[in-house]
Amino acid sequence: MTVSTAPCRGRVSGRNMQEAANDSIYIVFSNTPYKMGSFIRAVTRGAYNHVSVALDGALPEMYSFARLKRDTPFCGGFVHEGAERYRVGERTADICGVHVGEEGVERVRSQIRSMEEKSDAYVYNLISAMLVPIHKKARARDSFTCVEFASAMLKTAGVDLPCECYSASELYTQLHDCEVYRGGFPDSASVVDESYGERIPIPRRIGSSVKQFGRLLHRLFV
């Protein structure tokens, strides 16, 4: 585990969406419409609780680490997500376009494709998420929170963040100067997983959550 010894004050500079259409990656901050999201926002005192990564400012495709289904808040992993996760009630999004150059975009694209091919190997880092209020992280292979994933993709693209981030609000602070959009979730954002909202029986929810937590614990100590 690591501890942050100072608040994040640095920022990453970017260009607007028109100037950086093909040489930027887009970090999407959102406030998800679930109790877990509300709890995270209350604890971190931030406007957003979730972070996604997109390679196009219109958000036809987004990627993150999150719950696999609406009914499984404690069972998550790498997800190819769409706006069906957020279009419940009046929700807002904040999009930061970070200029990384065409080579940087391709490195991120390649990494995302690799993760998609073995998506079952990844698990959501629930322990790191629980440690956010005390600025600690639990390092485990092939395991991320949404903030850790976005930070890792920025690093893959060649972006050096001023300091380590634990919450969505801390990451937003560093990317604030790259903001290209704020408002209701864009209509152009895709809906890619119609099965996301399917009802999951309680025994299956519990079983899947316990299994995922066991996989995470194993990776922490092995």
C-alpha atoms as a PDB file:
ATOM      1  CA  MET A   1       0.000   0.000   0.000  1.00  0.00           C
ATOM      2  CA  THR A   2       1.088   3.578  -0.613  1.00  0.00           C
ATOM      3  CA  VAL A   3       0.291   6.785   1.195  1.00  0.00           C
ATOM      4  CA  SER A   4      -0.091  10.244  -0.345  1.00  0.00           C
ATOM      5  CA  THR A   5       1.768  12.790   1.773  1.00  0.00           C
ATOM      6  CA  ALA A   6       0.446  15.968   0.134  1.00  0.00           C
ATOM      7  CA  PRO A   7      -2.727  17.123  -1.623  1.00  0.00           C
ATOM      8  CA  CYS A   8      -2.715  17.120  -5.420  1.00  0.00           C
ATOM      9  CA  ARG A   9      -2.345  20.644  -6.773  1.00  0.00           C
ATOM     10  CA  GLY A  10      -0.685  20.191 -10.169  1.00  0.00           C
ATOM     11  CA  ARG A  11      -2.565  20.073 -13.463  1.00  0.00           C
ATOM     12  CA  VAL A  12      -2.122  18.552 -16.880  1.00  0.00           C
ATOM     13  CA  SER A  13      -2.626  20.853 -19.843  1.00  0.00           C
ATOM     14  CA  GLY A  14      -4.670  19.865 -22.875  1.00  0.00           C
ATOM     15  CA  ARG A  15      -6.213  21.259 -26.059  1.00  0.00           C
ATOM     16  CA  ASN A  16      -9.835  21.683 -27.006  1.00  0.00           C
ATOM     17  CA  MET A  17     -11.805  18.947 -28.746  1.00  0.00           C
ATOM     18  CA  GLN A  18     -11.618  20.526 -32.196  1.00  0.00           C
ATOM     19  CA  GLU A  19      -7.831  20.863 -32.084  1.00  0.00           C
ATOM     20  CA  ALA A  20      -7.178  17.440 -30.587  1.00  0.00           C
ATOM     21  CA  ALA A  21      -9.681  15.171 -32.315  1.00  0.00           C
ATOM     22  CA  ASN A  22      -7.205  12.442 -33.285  1.00  0.00           C
ATOM     23  CA  ASP A  23      -4.359  12.897 -30.846  1.00  0.00           C
ATOM     24  CA  SER A  24      -6.140  12.958 -27.485  1.00  0.00           C
ATOM     25  CA  ILE A  25      -7.675  10.533 -25.067  1.00  0.00           C
ATOM     26  CA  TYR A  26     -10.801  11.541 -23.174  1.00  0.00           C
ATOM     27  CA  ILE A  27     -11.273  11.081 -19.444  1.00  0.00           C
ATOM     28  CA  VAL A  28     -14.972  11.095 -18.563  1.00  0.00           C
ATOM     29  CA  PHE A  29     -16.064  11.994 -15.039  1.00  0.00           C
ATOM     30  CA  SER A  30     -19.617  11.063 -14.073  1.00  0.00           C
ATOM     31  CA  ASN A  31     -21.945  10.794 -11.082  1.00  0.00           C
ATOM     32  CA  THR A  32     -23.558   7.380 -11.273  1.00  0.00           C
ATOM     33  CA  PRO A  33     -27.192   7.002 -10.126  1.00  0.00           C
ATOM     34  CA  TYR A  34     -26.699   4.365  -7.438  1.00  0.00           C
ATOM     35  CA  LYS A  35     -26.360   4.286  -3.664  1.00  0.00           C
ATOM     36  CA  MET A  36     -22.721   3.265  -3.915  1.00  0.00           C
ATOM     37  CA  GLY A  37     -21.976   6.303  -6.081  1.00  0.00           C
ATOM     38  CA  SER A  38     -23.781   8.604  -3.662  1.00  0.00           C
ATOM     39  CA  PHE A  39     -21.757   7.153  -0.791  1.00  0.00           C
ATOM     40  CA  ILE A  40     -18.470   7.650  -2.626  1.00  0.00           C
ATOM     41  CA  ARG A  41     -19.337  11.265  -3.451  1.00  0.00           C
ATOM     42  CA  ALA A  42     -20.231  11.921   0.182  1.00  0.00           C
ATOM     43  CA  VAL A  43     -16.993  10.390   1.463  1.00  0.00           C
ATOM     44  CA  THR A  44     -14.723  12.106  -1.062  1.00  0.00           C
ATOM     45  CA  ARG A  45     -16.745  15.352  -1.088  1.00  0.00           C
ATOM     46  CA  GLY A  46     -16.512  15.421  -4.862  1.00  0.00           C
ATOM     47  CA  ALA A  47     -19.056  16.005  -7.612  1.00  0.00           C
ATOM     48  CA  TYR A  48     -18.098  12.798  -9.426  1.00  0.00           C
ATOM     49  CA  ASN A  49     -17.543   9.232  -8.317  1.00  0.00           C
ATOM     50  CA  HIS A  50     -16.765   7.426 -11.569  1.00  0.00           C
ATOM     51  CA  VAL A  51     -14.132   7.770 -14.294  1.00  0.00           C
ATOM     52  CA  SER A  52     -14.106   6.271 -17.794  1.00  0.00           C
ATOM     53  CA  VAL A  53     -11.684   6.412 -20.707  1.00  0.00           C
ATOM     54  CA  ALA A  54     -12.662   7.091 -24.327  1.00  0.00           C
ATOM     55  CA  LEU A  55     -10.653   7.441 -27.536  1.00  0.00           C
ATOM     56  CA  ASP A  56     -13.243   9.676 -29.213  1.00  0.00           C
ATOM     57  CA  GLY A  57     -14.763  12.826 -27.756  1.00  0.00           C
ATOM     58  CA  ALA A  58     -18.229  11.784 -28.936  1.00  0.00           C
ATOM     59  CA  LEU A  59     -17.957   8.797 -26.572  1.00  0.00           C
ATOM     60  CA  PRO A  60     -19.086   6.065 -28.974  1.00  0.00           C
ATOM     61  CA  GLU A  61     -17.141   3.663 -26.752  1.00  0.00           C
ATOM     62  CA  MET A  62     -15.987   3.986 -23.156  1.00  0.00           C
ATOM     63  CA  TYR A  63     -13.893   1.754 -20.932  1.00  0.00           C
ATOM     64  CA  SER A  64     -13.492   1.523 -17.194  1.00  0.00           C
ATOM     65  CA  PHE A  65     -13.410  -0.681 -14.106  1.00  0.00           C
ATOM     66  CA  ALA A  66     -16.857  -0.926 -12.577  1.00  0.00           C
ATOM     67  CA  ARG A  67     -19.650  -3.285 -11.556  1.00  0.00           C
ATOM     68  CA  LEU A  68     -20.389  -5.928 -14.171  1.00  0.00           C
ATOM     69  CA  LYS A  69     -24.159  -5.704 -13.769  1.00  0.00           C
ATOM     70  CA  ARG A  70     -26.466  -3.167 -12.161  1.00  0.00           C
ATOM     71  CA  ASP A  71     -27.357  -5.637  -9.396  1.00  0.00           C
ATOM     72  CA  THR A  72     -23.734  -6.541  -8.544  1.00  0.00           C
ATOM     73  CA  PRO A  73     -22.107  -3.491  -6.917  1.00  0.00           C
ATOM     74  CA  PHE A  74     -19.431  -5.664  -5.273  1.00  0.00           C
ATOM     75  CA  CYS A  75     -18.581  -7.746  -8.329  1.00  0.00           C
ATOM     76  CA  GLY A  76     -16.721  -5.766 -10.941  1.00  0.00           C
ATOM     77  CA  GLY A  77     -13.916  -5.714 -13.435  1.00  0.00           C
ATOM     78  CA  PHE A  78     -12.891  -4.332 -16.816  1.00  0.00           C
ATOM     79  CA  VAL A  79     -15.987  -3.125 -18.661  1.00  0.00           C
ATOM     80  CA  HIS A  80     -16.755  -1.807 -22.134  1.00  0.00           C
ATOM     81  CA  GLU A  81     -19.444   0.537 -20.980  1.00  0.00           C
ATOM     82  CA  GLY A  82     -22.096   2.777 -22.418  1.00  0.00           C
ATOM     83  CA  ALA A  83     -24.350   5.532 -21.191  1.00  0.00           C
ATOM     84  CA  GLU A  84     -27.056   3.072 -20.134  1.00  0.00           C
ATOM     85  CA  ARG A  85     -25.111   3.039 -16.868  1.00  0.00           C
ATOM     86  CA  TYR A  86     -25.748   6.756 -16.329  1.00  0.00           C
ATOM     87  CA  ARG A  87     -28.948   7.785 -18.085  1.00  0.00           C
ATOM     88  CA  VAL A  88     -31.095   7.423 -14.991  1.00  0.00           C
ATOM     89  CA  GLY A  89     -32.445  10.753 -13.788  1.00  0.00           C
ATOM     90  CA  GLU A  90     -30.591  14.017 -14.355  1.00  0.00           C
ATOM     91  CA  ARG A  91     -26.920  13.088 -14.565  1.00  0.00           C
ATOM     92  CA  THR A  92     -23.956  15.181 -15.646  1.00  0.00           C
ATOM     93  CA  ALA A  93     -20.626  14.397 -17.246  1.00  0.00           C
ATOM     94  CA  ASP A  94     -17.341  16.246 -17.381  1.00  0.00           C
ATOM     95  CA  ILE A  95     -15.034  15.334 -20.267  1.00  0.00           C
ATOM     96  CA  CYS A  96     -11.343  16.191 -20.260  1.00  0.00           C
ATOM     97  CA  GLY A  97      -9.469  15.830 -23.542  1.00  0.00           C
ATOM     98  CA  VAL A  98      -5.793  15.137 -22.837  1.00  0.00           C
ATOM     99  CA  HIS A  99      -3.418  15.709 -25.746  1.00  0.00           C
ATOM    100  CA  VAL A 100      -1.100  12.693 -25.979  1.00  0.00           C
ATOM    101  CA  GLY A 101      -0.194  12.599 -29.665  1.00  0.00           C
ATOM    102  CA  GLU A 102      -1.153   9.930 -32.173  1.00  0.00           C
ATOM    103  CA  GLU A 103       1.434   7.491 -30.802  1.00  0.00           C
ATOM    104  CA  GLY A 104       0.043   7.935 -27.306  1.00  0.00           C
ATOM    105  CA  VAL A 105      -3.497   7.248 -28.516  1.00  0.00           C
ATOM    106  CA  GLU A 106      -2.342   4.102 -30.309  1.00  0.00           C
ATOM    107  CA  ARG A 107      -0.566   2.814 -27.200  1.00  0.00           C
ATOM    108  CA  VAL A 108      -3.765   3.231 -25.200  1.00  0.00           C
ATOM    109  CA  ARG A 109      -5.850   1.658 -27.968  1.00  0.00           C
ATOM    110  CA  SER A 110      -3.516  -1.346 -28.083  1.00  0.00           C
ATOM    111  CA  GLN A 111      -3.611  -1.746 -24.306  1.00  0.00           C
ATOM    112  CA  ILE A 112      -7.410  -1.558 -24.222  1.00  0.00           C
ATOM    113  CA  ARG A 113      -7.711  -4.145 -26.995  1.00  0.00           C
ATOM    114  CA  SER A 114      -5.410  -6.460 -25.058  1.00  0.00           C
ATOM    115  CA  MET A 115      -7.506  -6.021 -21.911  1.00  0.00           C
ATOM    116  CA  GLU A 116     -10.724  -6.676 -23.840  1.00  0.00           C
ATOM    117  CA  GLU A 117      -9.330  -9.966 -25.141  1.00  0.00           C
ATOM    118  CA  LYS A 118      -8.715 -11.201 -21.596  1.00  0.00           C
ATOM    119  CA  SER A 119     -11.336  -9.200 -19.709  1.00  0.00           C
ATOM    120  CA  ASP A 120     -12.193 -12.169 -17.465  1.00  0.00           C
ATOM    121  CA  ALA A 121      -8.695 -11.980 -15.992  1.00  0.00           C
ATOM    122  CA  TYR A 122      -9.345  -8.558 -14.447  1.00  0.00           C
ATOM    123  CA  VAL A 123     -11.112  -7.756 -11.181  1.00  0.00           C
ATOM    124  CA  TYR A 124     -12.251  -4.522  -9.594  1.00  0.00           C
ATOM    125  CA  ASN A 125      -9.969  -3.447  -6.751  1.00  0.00           C
ATOM    126  CA  LEU A 126     -12.608  -3.151  -4.061  1.00  0.00           C
ATOM    127  CA  ILE A 127     -10.018  -2.898  -1.287  1.00  0.00           C
ATOM    128  CA  SER A 128      -8.395   0.151  -2.889  1.00  0.00           C
ATOM    129  CA  ALA A 129     -11.846   1.692  -3.250  1.00  0.00           C
ATOM    130  CA  MET A 130     -12.477   1.158   0.460  1.00  0.00           C
ATOM    131  CA  LEU A 131      -9.145   2.783   1.346  1.00  0.00           C
ATOM    132  CA  VAL A 132      -9.761   5.996  -0.638  1.00  0.00           C
ATOM    133  CA  PRO A 133     -10.839   8.058   2.439  1.00  0.00           C
ATOM    134  CA  ILE A 134      -7.459   7.430   4.120  1.00  0.00           C
ATOM    135  CA  HIS A 135      -5.378   7.895   0.954  1.00  0.00           C
ATOM    136  CA  LYS A 136      -4.082   4.367   0.685  1.00  0.00           C
ATOM    137  CA  LYS A 137      -4.042   1.785  -2.099  1.00  0.00           C
ATOM    138  CA  ALA A 138      -3.855  -1.976  -2.253  1.00  0.00           C
ATOM    139  CA  ARG A 139      -1.649  -3.112  -5.118  1.00  0.00           C
ATOM    140  CA  ALA A 140      -2.809  -6.249  -6.903  1.00  0.00           C
ATOM    141  CA  ARG A 141      -2.032  -7.547 -10.382  1.00  0.00           C
ATOM    142  CA  ASP A 142      -4.695  -7.108 -13.042  1.00  0.00           C
ATOM    143  CA  SER A 143      -6.881  -5.181 -10.615  1.00  0.00           C
ATOM    144  CA  PHE A 144      -7.885  -1.519 -10.680  1.00  0.00           C
ATOM    145  CA  THR A 145     -10.440   0.972  -9.482  1.00  0.00           C
ATOM    146  CA  CYS A 146     -11.845   3.279 -12.156  1.00  0.00           C
ATOM    147  CA  VAL A 147      -9.433   6.031 -11.065  1.00  0.00           C
ATOM    148  CA  GLU A 148      -6.462   3.648 -11.090  1.00  0.00           C
ATOM    149  CA  PHE A 149      -7.409   2.451 -14.572  1.00  0.00           C
ATOM    150  CA  ALA A 150      -7.717   5.977 -15.972  1.00  0.00           C
ATOM    151  CA  SER A 151      -4.398   6.924 -14.370  1.00  0.00           C
ATOM    152  CA  ALA A 152      -2.770   3.817 -15.847  1.00  0.00           C
ATOM    153  CA  MET A 153      -4.065   4.669 -19.338  1.00  0.00           C
ATOM    154  CA  LEU A 154      -2.725   8.211 -19.007  1.00  0.00           C
ATOM    155  CA  LYS A 155       0.649   6.780 -18.029  1.00  0.00           C
ATOM    156  CA  THR A 156       0.506   4.385 -20.993  1.00  0.00           C
ATOM    157  CA  ALA A 157      -0.071   7.419 -23.231  1.00  0.00           C
ATOM    158  CA  GLY A 158       2.998   9.134 -21.770  1.00  0.00           C
ATOM    159  CA  VAL A 159       1.273  11.536 -19.370  1.00  0.00           C
ATOM    160  CA  ASP A 160       3.035  12.115 -16.066  1.00  0.00           C
ATOM    161  CA  LEU A 161       0.492  13.141 -13.459  1.00  0.00           C
ATOM    162  CA  PRO A 162       1.826  15.648 -10.893  1.00  0.00           C
ATOM    163  CA  CYS A 163       0.989  13.255  -8.061  1.00  0.00           C
ATOM    164  CA  GLU A 164      -0.886  10.070  -7.350  1.00  0.00           C
ATOM    165  CA  CYS A 165      -4.686  10.149  -7.335  1.00  0.00           C
ATOM    166  CA  TYR A 166      -7.038   8.214  -5.093  1.00  0.00           C
ATOM    167  CA  SER A 167     -10.437   9.670  -5.935  1.00  0.00           C
ATOM    168  CA  ALA A 168     -12.191  10.918  -9.060  1.00  0.00           C
ATOM    169  CA  SER A 169     -12.156  14.457  -7.665  1.00  0.00           C
ATOM    170  CA  GLU A 170      -8.373  14.353  -7.215  1.00  0.00           C
ATOM    171  CA  LEU A 171      -7.870  13.174 -10.789  1.00  0.00           C
ATOM    172  CA  TYR A 172     -10.249  15.868 -12.041  1.00  0.00           C
ATOM    173  CA  THR A 173      -8.211  18.502 -10.193  1.00  0.00           C
ATOM    174  CA  GLN A 174      -5.150  17.498 -12.206  1.00  0.00           C
ATOM    175  CA  LEU A 175      -7.013  17.398 -15.525  1.00  0.00           C
ATOM    176  CA  HIS A 176      -9.186  20.478 -15.029  1.00  0.00           C
ATOM    177  CA  ASP A 177      -7.304  22.511 -17.626  1.00  0.00           C
ATOM    178  CA  CYS A 178      -8.114  19.829 -20.239  1.00  0.00           C
ATOM    179  CA  GLU A 179     -11.886  20.179 -19.851  1.00  0.00           C
ATOM    180  CA  VAL A 180     -13.712  20.187 -23.196  1.00  0.00           C
ATOM    181  CA  TYR A 181     -17.302  19.528 -22.100  1.00  0.00           C
ATOM    182  CA  ARG A 182     -19.542  19.712 -19.051  1.00  0.00           C
ATOM    183  CA  GLY A 183     -23.263  19.076 -18.955  1.00  0.00           C
ATOM    184  CA  GLY A 184     -25.854  16.375 -19.462  1.00  0.00           C
ATOM    185  CA  PHE A 185     -24.497  13.089 -20.686  1.00  0.00           C
ATOM    186  CA  PRO A 186     -23.942  13.488 -24.461  1.00  0.00           C
ATOM    187  CA  ASP A 187     -26.612  11.936 -26.688  1.00  0.00           C
ATOM    188  CA  SER A 188     -23.809  10.562 -28.855  1.00  0.00           C
ATOM    189  CA  ALA A 189     -22.611   8.286 -26.047  1.00  0.00           C
ATOM    190  CA  SER A 190     -23.235   4.680 -26.969  1.00  0.00           C
ATOM    191  CA  VAL A 191     -25.447   2.075 -25.349  1.00  0.00           C
ATOM    192  CA  VAL A 192     -23.401  -1.070 -25.749  1.00  0.00           C
ATOM    193  CA  ASP A 193     -24.686  -3.569 -23.205  1.00  0.00           C
ATOM    194  CA  GLU A 194     -28.421  -4.163 -23.061  1.00  0.00           C
ATOM    195  CA  SER A 195     -27.871  -6.988 -20.565  1.00  0.00           C
ATOM    196  CA  TYR A 196     -26.388  -4.605 -17.982  1.00  0.00           C
ATOM    197  CA  GLY A 197     -29.746  -4.048 -16.312  1.00  0.00           C
ATOM    198  CA  GLU A 198     -30.881  -7.677 -16.163  1.00  0.00           C
ATOM    199  CA  ARG A 199     -32.067  -8.802 -12.739  1.00  0.00           C
ATOM    200  CA  ILE A 200     -29.661 -11.051 -10.850  1.00  0.00           C
ATOM    201  CA  PRO A 201     -30.999 -13.439  -8.157  1.00  0.00           C
ATOM    202  CA  ILE A 202     -29.710 -12.622  -4.677  1.00  0.00           C
ATOM    203  CA  PRO A 203     -27.852 -15.960  -4.198  1.00  0.00           C
ATOM    204  CA  ARG A 204     -26.013 -15.376  -7.466  1.00  0.00           C
ATOM    205  CA  ARG A 205     -25.158 -11.811  -6.468  1.00  0.00           C
ATOM    206  CA  ILE A 206     -23.663 -13.004  -3.190  1.00  0.00           C
ATOM    207  CA  GLY A 207     -21.807 -15.885  -4.825  1.00  0.00           C
ATOM    208  CA  SER A 208     -20.262 -13.776  -7.555  1.00  0.00           C
ATOM    209  CA  SER A 209     -19.227 -11.071  -5.097  1.00  0.00           C
ATOM    210  CA  VAL A 210     -17.559 -13.561  -2.740  1.00  0.00           C
ATOM    211  CA  LYS A 211     -15.754 -15.196  -5.657  1.00  0.00           C
ATOM    212  CA  GLN A 212     -14.438 -11.884  -6.968  1.00  0.00           C
ATOM    213  CA  PHE A 213     -13.298 -10.791  -3.509  1.00  0.00           C
ATOM    214  CA  GLY A 214     -11.483 -14.096  -3.088  1.00  0.00           C
ATOM    215  CA  ARG A 215      -9.689 -13.592  -6.411  1.00  0.00           C
ATOM    216  CA  LEU A 216      -8.633 -10.117  -5.290  1.00  0.00           C
ATOM    217  CA  LEU A 217      -7.308 -11.300  -1.919  1.00  0.00           C
ATOM    218  CA  HIS A 218      -5.332 -14.047  -3.641  1.00  0.00           C
ATOM    219  CA  ARG A 219      -3.643 -11.482  -5.889  1.00  0.00           C
ATOM    220  CA  LEU A 220      -2.767  -9.263  -2.952  1.00  0.00           C
ATOM    221  CA  PHE A 221      -0.758 -11.935  -1.212  1.00  0.00           C
ATOM    222  CA  VAL A 222       0.533 -14.191  -3.998  1.00  0.00           C
END
